[in-house]
N, C-alpha and C. Protein backbone atom coordinates (compact mmCIF):
# COMPACT_ATOMS: atom_id res chain seq x y z
N MET A 1 -60.71 6.19 17.98
CA MET A 1 -61.64 6.38 16.91
C MET A 1 -61.27 7.68 16.20
N ASN A 2 -61.23 7.59 14.93
CA ASN A 2 -60.83 8.73 14.13
C ASN A 2 -62.08 9.49 13.70
N THR A 3 -62.19 10.75 14.10
CA THR A 3 -63.37 11.55 13.78
C THR A 3 -62.95 12.72 12.94
N GLN A 4 -63.73 12.97 11.91
CA GLN A 4 -63.47 14.12 11.05
C GLN A 4 -64.74 14.95 10.98
N GLU A 5 -64.58 16.26 10.95
CA GLU A 5 -65.73 17.13 10.86
C GLU A 5 -65.73 17.80 9.50
N PHE A 6 -66.91 17.80 8.91
CA PHE A 6 -67.09 18.48 7.64
C PHE A 6 -68.16 19.54 7.81
N ILE A 7 -67.97 20.63 7.20
CA ILE A 7 -68.97 21.68 7.23
C ILE A 7 -69.55 21.80 5.84
N LEU A 8 -70.86 21.59 5.78
CA LEU A 8 -71.55 21.72 4.51
C LEU A 8 -72.29 23.06 4.51
N ALA A 9 -72.19 23.74 3.46
CA ALA A 9 -72.88 25.03 3.36
C ALA A 9 -74.02 24.87 2.39
N GLU A 10 -75.16 25.31 2.83
CA GLU A 10 -76.34 25.24 1.98
C GLU A 10 -76.56 26.63 1.41
N VAL A 11 -76.44 26.73 0.13
CA VAL A 11 -76.58 28.03 -0.51
C VAL A 11 -77.95 28.07 -1.18
N THR A 12 -78.67 29.12 -0.90
CA THR A 12 -79.99 29.29 -1.51
C THR A 12 -79.92 30.44 -2.49
N SER A 13 -80.91 30.53 -3.32
CA SER A 13 -80.92 31.61 -4.31
C SER A 13 -81.26 32.96 -3.68
N SER A 14 -81.75 32.95 -2.50
CA SER A 14 -82.05 34.23 -1.84
C SER A 14 -80.77 34.86 -1.32
N THR A 15 -80.80 36.07 -1.00
CA THR A 15 -79.62 36.77 -0.52
C THR A 15 -79.50 36.69 0.99
N GLY A 16 -80.28 35.79 1.59
CA GLY A 16 -80.28 35.67 3.05
C GLY A 16 -79.01 35.01 3.55
N PRO A 17 -78.95 34.77 4.87
CA PRO A 17 -77.76 34.17 5.48
C PRO A 17 -77.58 32.71 5.03
N VAL A 18 -76.37 32.19 5.10
CA VAL A 18 -76.02 30.82 4.70
C VAL A 18 -76.25 29.91 5.89
N ASN A 19 -76.99 28.82 5.68
CA ASN A 19 -77.22 27.83 6.74
C ASN A 19 -76.06 26.85 6.75
N LYS A 20 -75.52 26.60 7.92
CA LYS A 20 -74.40 25.66 8.05
C LYS A 20 -74.89 24.40 8.74
N THR A 21 -74.42 23.26 8.24
CA THR A 21 -74.76 21.98 8.85
C THR A 21 -73.45 21.24 9.11
N GLU A 22 -73.32 20.71 10.31
CA GLU A 22 -72.11 19.95 10.64
C GLU A 22 -72.44 18.46 10.64
N ILE A 23 -71.54 17.66 10.03
CA ILE A 23 -71.71 16.21 9.98
C ILE A 23 -70.43 15.57 10.49
N GLN A 24 -70.58 14.60 11.34
CA GLN A 24 -69.42 13.86 11.82
C GLN A 24 -69.34 12.52 11.10
N VAL A 25 -68.15 12.22 10.58
CA VAL A 25 -67.93 10.95 9.89
C VAL A 25 -67.03 10.12 10.78
N VAL A 26 -67.49 8.93 11.12
CA VAL A 26 -66.74 8.05 12.02
C VAL A 26 -66.34 6.81 11.23
N ASP A 27 -65.08 6.36 11.41
CA ASP A 27 -64.66 5.12 10.75
C ASP A 27 -65.52 3.97 11.24
N ALA A 28 -65.89 3.11 10.30
CA ALA A 28 -66.68 1.94 10.66
C ALA A 28 -65.81 0.97 11.45
N PRO A 29 -66.39 0.27 12.38
CA PRO A 29 -65.61 -0.73 13.12
C PRO A 29 -65.07 -1.81 12.17
N ALA A 30 -64.10 -2.53 12.63
CA ALA A 30 -63.44 -3.54 11.80
C ALA A 30 -64.42 -4.60 11.31
N ALA A 31 -65.44 -4.92 12.10
CA ALA A 31 -66.41 -5.94 11.71
C ALA A 31 -67.25 -5.50 10.52
N MET A 32 -67.32 -4.22 10.26
CA MET A 32 -68.16 -3.71 9.18
C MET A 32 -67.46 -3.77 7.82
N HIS A 33 -66.16 -3.96 7.80
CA HIS A 33 -65.44 -4.04 6.53
C HIS A 33 -65.87 -5.28 5.77
N ASN A 34 -65.80 -5.24 4.47
CA ASN A 34 -66.23 -6.37 3.63
C ASN A 34 -65.12 -7.39 3.43
N LYS A 35 -64.50 -7.79 4.49
CA LYS A 35 -63.47 -8.83 4.42
C LYS A 35 -64.14 -10.17 4.76
N PRO A 36 -64.07 -11.15 3.85
CA PRO A 36 -64.68 -12.45 4.16
C PRO A 36 -63.89 -13.16 5.24
N GLU A 37 -64.61 -13.95 6.02
CA GLU A 37 -63.94 -14.74 7.03
C GLU A 37 -63.17 -15.85 6.33
N PRO A 38 -62.01 -16.24 6.83
CA PRO A 38 -61.21 -17.26 6.16
C PRO A 38 -61.95 -18.59 5.99
N ILE A 39 -62.68 -19.03 6.99
CA ILE A 39 -63.37 -20.32 6.90
C ILE A 39 -64.52 -20.21 5.89
N GLY A 40 -65.20 -19.11 5.84
CA GLY A 40 -66.28 -18.91 4.87
C GLY A 40 -65.77 -18.96 3.45
N ALA A 41 -64.62 -18.39 3.21
CA ALA A 41 -64.04 -18.39 1.87
C ALA A 41 -63.64 -19.81 1.46
N VAL A 42 -63.13 -20.59 2.40
CA VAL A 42 -62.74 -21.97 2.10
C VAL A 42 -63.97 -22.79 1.74
N TRP A 43 -65.05 -22.64 2.50
CA TRP A 43 -66.27 -23.39 2.20
C TRP A 43 -66.86 -22.98 0.86
N THR A 44 -66.73 -21.71 0.52
CA THR A 44 -67.24 -21.24 -0.76
C THR A 44 -66.53 -21.93 -1.91
N LEU A 45 -65.26 -22.20 -1.75
CA LEU A 45 -64.50 -22.89 -2.80
C LEU A 45 -64.68 -24.40 -2.75
N LEU A 46 -64.79 -24.96 -1.55
CA LEU A 46 -64.86 -26.41 -1.41
C LEU A 46 -66.23 -27.00 -1.70
N LEU A 47 -67.29 -26.25 -1.46
CA LEU A 47 -68.63 -26.79 -1.62
C LEU A 47 -68.91 -27.29 -3.04
N PRO A 48 -68.63 -26.52 -4.09
CA PRO A 48 -68.85 -27.06 -5.44
C PRO A 48 -67.97 -28.27 -5.75
N LEU A 49 -66.74 -28.24 -5.24
CA LEU A 49 -65.84 -29.37 -5.46
C LEU A 49 -66.38 -30.63 -4.78
N LEU A 50 -66.85 -30.50 -3.55
CA LEU A 50 -67.42 -31.64 -2.83
C LEU A 50 -68.69 -32.15 -3.52
N LEU A 51 -69.46 -31.25 -4.09
CA LEU A 51 -70.66 -31.65 -4.81
C LEU A 51 -70.31 -32.48 -6.04
N ILE A 52 -69.30 -32.06 -6.78
CA ILE A 52 -68.88 -32.80 -7.98
C ILE A 52 -68.34 -34.17 -7.60
N VAL A 53 -67.54 -34.24 -6.56
CA VAL A 53 -66.99 -35.53 -6.11
C VAL A 53 -68.12 -36.45 -5.66
N GLY A 54 -69.08 -35.91 -4.95
CA GLY A 54 -70.22 -36.71 -4.49
C GLY A 54 -71.03 -37.26 -5.64
N LEU A 55 -71.29 -36.44 -6.65
CA LEU A 55 -72.04 -36.92 -7.81
C LEU A 55 -71.26 -37.98 -8.57
N TYR A 56 -69.95 -37.82 -8.66
CA TYR A 56 -69.13 -38.82 -9.32
C TYR A 56 -69.24 -40.16 -8.59
N ILE A 57 -69.12 -40.12 -7.27
CA ILE A 57 -69.16 -41.36 -6.49
C ILE A 57 -70.52 -42.02 -6.58
N LEU A 58 -71.59 -41.23 -6.56
CA LEU A 58 -72.93 -41.80 -6.57
C LEU A 58 -73.38 -42.32 -7.93
N PHE A 59 -73.01 -41.63 -9.01
CA PHE A 59 -73.57 -41.97 -10.30
C PHE A 59 -72.57 -42.52 -11.30
N MET A 60 -71.46 -41.85 -11.48
CA MET A 60 -70.56 -42.20 -12.57
C MET A 60 -69.72 -43.43 -12.27
N ARG A 61 -69.19 -43.52 -11.07
CA ARG A 61 -68.28 -44.62 -10.74
C ARG A 61 -68.96 -45.99 -10.85
N PRO A 62 -70.17 -46.18 -10.31
CA PRO A 62 -70.81 -47.49 -10.48
C PRO A 62 -71.06 -47.84 -11.95
N GLN A 63 -71.38 -46.83 -12.76
CA GLN A 63 -71.60 -47.09 -14.18
C GLN A 63 -70.31 -47.54 -14.86
N TYR A 64 -69.19 -46.90 -14.52
CA TYR A 64 -67.90 -47.31 -15.09
C TYR A 64 -67.54 -48.74 -14.68
N LYS A 65 -67.83 -49.09 -13.43
CA LYS A 65 -67.54 -50.45 -12.97
C LYS A 65 -68.38 -51.47 -13.74
N LYS A 66 -69.65 -51.13 -13.95
CA LYS A 66 -70.54 -52.03 -14.67
C LYS A 66 -70.06 -52.22 -16.11
N GLU A 67 -69.68 -51.14 -16.77
CA GLU A 67 -69.18 -51.22 -18.14
C GLU A 67 -67.89 -52.03 -18.21
N LYS A 68 -67.01 -51.84 -17.25
CA LYS A 68 -65.76 -52.58 -17.23
C LYS A 68 -66.02 -54.07 -17.06
N ALA A 69 -66.95 -54.43 -16.18
CA ALA A 69 -67.28 -55.83 -15.97
C ALA A 69 -67.90 -56.44 -17.23
N LEU A 70 -68.74 -55.68 -17.94
CA LEU A 70 -69.34 -56.17 -19.18
C LEU A 70 -68.28 -56.39 -20.25
N ARG A 71 -67.35 -55.45 -20.41
CA ARG A 71 -66.27 -55.62 -21.39
C ARG A 71 -65.42 -56.85 -21.07
N GLU A 72 -65.16 -57.04 -19.79
CA GLU A 72 -64.36 -58.19 -19.37
C GLU A 72 -65.09 -59.50 -19.69
N SER A 73 -66.38 -59.52 -19.42
CA SER A 73 -67.15 -60.75 -19.69
C SER A 73 -67.30 -60.97 -21.19
N GLN A 74 -67.36 -59.89 -21.99
CA GLN A 74 -67.41 -60.05 -23.45
C GLN A 74 -66.12 -60.67 -23.98
N LYS A 75 -65.00 -60.35 -23.36
CA LYS A 75 -63.72 -60.93 -23.78
C LYS A 75 -63.64 -62.41 -23.43
N ASN A 76 -64.32 -62.81 -22.34
CA ASN A 76 -64.22 -64.18 -21.84
C ASN A 76 -65.40 -65.05 -22.26
N LEU A 77 -66.08 -64.70 -23.35
CA LEU A 77 -67.19 -65.52 -23.83
C LEU A 77 -66.68 -66.89 -24.24
N SER A 78 -67.46 -67.90 -23.95
CA SER A 78 -67.08 -69.25 -24.34
C SER A 78 -68.31 -70.02 -24.81
N LYS A 79 -68.08 -71.15 -25.41
CA LYS A 79 -69.16 -71.99 -25.91
C LYS A 79 -70.10 -72.37 -24.76
N GLY A 80 -71.39 -72.28 -25.03
CA GLY A 80 -72.38 -72.68 -24.03
C GLY A 80 -72.90 -71.53 -23.18
N ASP A 81 -72.30 -70.35 -23.29
CA ASP A 81 -72.79 -69.20 -22.53
C ASP A 81 -74.14 -68.75 -23.08
N ARG A 82 -75.06 -68.48 -22.21
CA ARG A 82 -76.37 -67.96 -22.60
C ARG A 82 -76.26 -66.44 -22.59
N VAL A 83 -76.59 -65.78 -23.72
CA VAL A 83 -76.38 -64.34 -23.85
C VAL A 83 -77.64 -63.65 -24.37
N VAL A 84 -77.66 -62.33 -24.17
CA VAL A 84 -78.69 -61.46 -24.73
C VAL A 84 -77.98 -60.37 -25.50
N THR A 85 -78.41 -60.13 -26.74
CA THR A 85 -77.80 -59.06 -27.53
C THR A 85 -78.50 -57.74 -27.22
N ARG A 86 -77.92 -56.65 -27.67
CA ARG A 86 -78.54 -55.34 -27.46
C ARG A 86 -79.86 -55.22 -28.20
N GLY A 87 -80.05 -56.04 -29.20
CA GLY A 87 -81.31 -56.05 -29.93
C GLY A 87 -82.38 -56.89 -29.24
N GLY A 88 -82.02 -57.56 -28.15
CA GLY A 88 -82.99 -58.35 -27.39
C GLY A 88 -83.07 -59.80 -27.82
N ILE A 89 -82.12 -60.26 -28.59
CA ILE A 89 -82.13 -61.65 -29.06
C ILE A 89 -81.40 -62.52 -28.03
N TRP A 90 -82.11 -63.56 -27.56
CA TRP A 90 -81.52 -64.52 -26.64
C TRP A 90 -80.93 -65.68 -27.44
N GLY A 91 -79.80 -66.17 -27.00
CA GLY A 91 -79.20 -67.31 -27.67
C GLY A 91 -78.08 -67.92 -26.86
N THR A 92 -77.52 -68.97 -27.42
CA THR A 92 -76.41 -69.67 -26.79
C THR A 92 -75.19 -69.56 -27.70
N VAL A 93 -74.05 -69.25 -27.12
CA VAL A 93 -72.82 -69.10 -27.89
C VAL A 93 -72.37 -70.48 -28.37
N VAL A 94 -72.16 -70.59 -29.68
CA VAL A 94 -71.65 -71.84 -30.24
C VAL A 94 -70.26 -71.67 -30.83
N GLY A 95 -69.81 -70.44 -30.95
CA GLY A 95 -68.47 -70.20 -31.47
C GLY A 95 -68.05 -68.75 -31.26
N VAL A 96 -66.74 -68.55 -31.16
CA VAL A 96 -66.19 -67.21 -30.98
C VAL A 96 -65.03 -67.03 -31.95
N LYS A 97 -65.12 -65.98 -32.75
CA LYS A 97 -64.02 -65.61 -33.65
C LYS A 97 -63.35 -64.39 -33.04
N GLU A 98 -62.35 -64.65 -32.22
CA GLU A 98 -61.73 -63.57 -31.44
C GLU A 98 -61.05 -62.52 -32.29
N GLN A 99 -60.38 -62.95 -33.36
CA GLN A 99 -59.63 -61.98 -34.17
C GLN A 99 -60.55 -61.00 -34.88
N GLU A 100 -61.73 -61.46 -35.31
CA GLU A 100 -62.68 -60.56 -35.97
C GLU A 100 -63.60 -59.88 -34.99
N GLY A 101 -63.65 -60.35 -33.76
CA GLY A 101 -64.56 -59.79 -32.76
C GLY A 101 -66.00 -60.21 -33.00
N ILE A 102 -66.19 -61.43 -33.48
CA ILE A 102 -67.52 -61.93 -33.83
C ILE A 102 -67.86 -63.12 -32.94
N VAL A 103 -69.13 -63.19 -32.56
CA VAL A 103 -69.64 -64.30 -31.76
C VAL A 103 -70.75 -64.97 -32.56
N VAL A 104 -70.71 -66.28 -32.66
CA VAL A 104 -71.76 -67.05 -33.34
C VAL A 104 -72.73 -67.53 -32.27
N ILE A 105 -74.01 -67.16 -32.47
CA ILE A 105 -75.03 -67.47 -31.47
C ILE A 105 -76.10 -68.35 -32.11
N LYS A 106 -76.47 -69.39 -31.38
CA LYS A 106 -77.56 -70.26 -31.82
C LYS A 106 -78.83 -69.73 -31.15
N ILE A 107 -79.82 -69.32 -31.99
CA ILE A 107 -81.05 -68.77 -31.42
C ILE A 107 -82.22 -69.74 -31.54
N ALA A 108 -82.10 -70.75 -32.38
CA ALA A 108 -83.12 -71.80 -32.52
C ALA A 108 -82.44 -73.00 -33.17
N ASP A 109 -83.19 -74.10 -33.30
CA ASP A 109 -82.61 -75.28 -33.97
C ASP A 109 -82.25 -74.91 -35.40
N ASP A 110 -81.04 -75.18 -35.79
CA ASP A 110 -80.50 -74.90 -37.12
C ASP A 110 -80.52 -73.42 -37.50
N VAL A 111 -80.58 -72.52 -36.53
CA VAL A 111 -80.53 -71.08 -36.80
C VAL A 111 -79.38 -70.48 -35.99
N LYS A 112 -78.36 -70.04 -36.71
CA LYS A 112 -77.21 -69.43 -36.06
C LYS A 112 -77.00 -68.05 -36.67
N ILE A 113 -76.62 -67.10 -35.83
CA ILE A 113 -76.33 -65.76 -36.32
C ILE A 113 -74.96 -65.34 -35.81
N GLU A 114 -74.34 -64.45 -36.57
CA GLU A 114 -73.07 -63.88 -36.14
C GLU A 114 -73.32 -62.44 -35.71
N VAL A 115 -72.83 -62.10 -34.52
CA VAL A 115 -72.96 -60.72 -34.02
C VAL A 115 -71.61 -60.25 -33.52
N SER A 116 -71.47 -58.96 -33.46
CA SER A 116 -70.26 -58.38 -32.90
C SER A 116 -70.21 -58.69 -31.41
N SER A 117 -69.03 -58.93 -30.90
CA SER A 117 -68.93 -59.21 -29.46
C SER A 117 -69.35 -58.01 -28.63
N ASN A 118 -69.25 -56.81 -29.20
CA ASN A 118 -69.71 -55.62 -28.48
C ASN A 118 -71.22 -55.53 -28.41
N ALA A 119 -71.94 -56.31 -29.23
CA ALA A 119 -73.40 -56.30 -29.23
C ALA A 119 -73.98 -57.16 -28.11
N ILE A 120 -73.14 -57.89 -27.40
CA ILE A 120 -73.61 -58.71 -26.29
C ILE A 120 -73.90 -57.79 -25.11
N GLU A 121 -75.15 -57.77 -24.68
CA GLU A 121 -75.57 -56.89 -23.59
C GLU A 121 -75.41 -57.56 -22.23
N ALA A 122 -75.75 -58.84 -22.15
CA ALA A 122 -75.68 -59.52 -20.86
C ALA A 122 -75.33 -60.99 -21.08
N ILE A 123 -74.65 -61.52 -20.10
CA ILE A 123 -74.29 -62.94 -20.10
C ILE A 123 -74.89 -63.52 -18.84
N ASN A 124 -75.62 -64.60 -18.99
CA ASN A 124 -76.31 -65.18 -17.85
C ASN A 124 -75.74 -66.56 -17.54
N PRO A 125 -74.73 -66.63 -16.68
CA PRO A 125 -74.11 -67.92 -16.39
C PRO A 125 -75.01 -68.86 -15.59
N GLN A 126 -76.01 -68.34 -14.88
CA GLN A 126 -76.90 -69.20 -14.11
C GLN A 126 -77.69 -70.12 -15.03
N ILE A 127 -78.16 -69.58 -16.14
CA ILE A 127 -78.90 -70.40 -17.09
C ILE A 127 -77.98 -71.47 -17.66
N LYS A 128 -76.73 -71.09 -17.94
CA LYS A 128 -75.76 -72.05 -18.49
C LYS A 128 -75.57 -73.21 -17.51
N LYS A 129 -75.43 -72.91 -16.22
CA LYS A 129 -75.23 -73.95 -15.21
C LYS A 129 -76.48 -74.83 -15.10
N GLU A 130 -77.68 -74.22 -15.16
CA GLU A 130 -78.91 -74.98 -15.06
C GLU A 130 -79.07 -75.90 -16.26
N GLU A 131 -78.70 -75.41 -17.47
CA GLU A 131 -78.79 -76.24 -18.66
C GLU A 131 -77.87 -77.44 -18.55
N LYS A 132 -76.66 -77.21 -18.05
CA LYS A 132 -75.71 -78.32 -17.90
C LYS A 132 -76.23 -79.34 -16.91
N LYS A 133 -76.83 -78.89 -15.80
CA LYS A 133 -77.39 -79.80 -14.81
C LYS A 133 -78.54 -80.58 -15.43
N GLY A 134 -79.38 -79.91 -16.23
CA GLY A 134 -80.52 -80.57 -16.88
C GLY A 134 -80.08 -81.61 -17.88
N LYS A 135 -78.99 -81.34 -18.63
CA LYS A 135 -78.49 -82.30 -19.62
C LYS A 135 -77.88 -83.52 -18.96
N LYS A 136 -77.24 -83.34 -17.79
CA LYS A 136 -76.62 -84.47 -17.10
C LYS A 136 -77.67 -85.38 -16.47
N ALA A 137 -78.78 -84.82 -16.05
CA ALA A 137 -79.81 -85.61 -15.36
C ALA A 137 -80.62 -86.45 -16.29
């Protein structure tokens, strides 16, 4: 242990004797130094990264998969598909103009509308299958 002695002199305004005070300064043990532990430093860096990866897996990735599936189904629209537009209009596909990106939807007897294929929010193949079964019976 390295010990150093310092002598401090206390000077007063009086002409009396000088008071001496001795102080010993001892080096702090190695554990007292502000050196971070290696594992603590790693966790400090990894924790935010793990949090971001976790949020991506929980929230963003499923949304990307859902959007990809919707885009794929929009490309594969065919006659007879029962669809819902983003505006909430239900109808049956009666035609597809692939080059223009337009879908012709029948929403009532003698009422057909043209919408962008990107405006299709959902495709419900179960209704299409049920309609086909009902027409055959």
